[in-house]
């Protein structure tokens, strides 16, 4: 008995899709100046030889794998869905990561899905595997995005993959994609969105990269050295030594009680209170405050030339 017409149509559609894939592979893998196929083109050619599985075949292989860990069954489940991984990986091609790396990570997710797939649920493997494939690809993109770990919170993960899509959706609808609308669409606070967006848009750069095209000068060569020169360093050291000498002279100019108050109030590791100093000298806190003010006025007068010298320098 001839198969129903819709089965014939599906078979024709599959054959047409296969023919288009072969054309793409040939276009990617062969160039006039390079007879050798590219790694990606060679990989696509290779996986196109693996046959697809019918629902019945897929179910039987999944049962064999779950019951007896039949290696051949697991291999066929994986190889039959390698093209599906390529399709998913192609959706993430704009994130600046090599497509072959994305495919490799997606294949790891596919193998995890095959291992955990439950054939009793009567769903296709791809329906279950797509989540594992996307999870492995997205985790690889986040790891590759920056040396500083990114995407550690749910908000960061959500914004990382949806920010661009939500902005395009708002703009297509004629709405300005301002931070307030974007934050509302993504379910995060505006301040949180701005912080995440700044990390997404700023990629890591190497200081060893050329500063300009056609030059050997690197980015590191263009960084200004803010450290003081030898002359400024020597001058600052001499000025610091002079300041220390002037402070010692100013302290020596005070009477013993004033010097003790300044020492205990400002020069000790733990500053004494006015009450503690007053009790040690047998005077009131107010009298200690007056003596401290008089001592500071004397020191200020003695250190005035040093302040003028620093202002000129």
Foldseek 3Di string as FASTA:
>chain_A
DDDDPVVVVVVVVVVVVLVVLLVVLCVQQDDPVDHGGDPVSVVSVVLSPQAADDLVLLLVLLVCCVPPVPVVSLVSQLSNCLVVLLVLLVVVPPLPDDSVVLSVQLSVLLSVLSNPPDSVVVDDSCVRSVVSSVVSSLVVSQVPQAVPRFDPDPLLSLCLPCVVVVCVVCVVVVHHPDLVVSCVVSVHDSVVNVVSVVSNVDGDDDQCPCPDPPDNHGNVNVDDDPDDDPVVVVVVVVLVVVVVVLLVVLLVVDDPLLSVQCCQQPVDPDRDALCVSCVVVVHDSVVSVVSPVVSVVSSCVSCVVSVVVVVVD
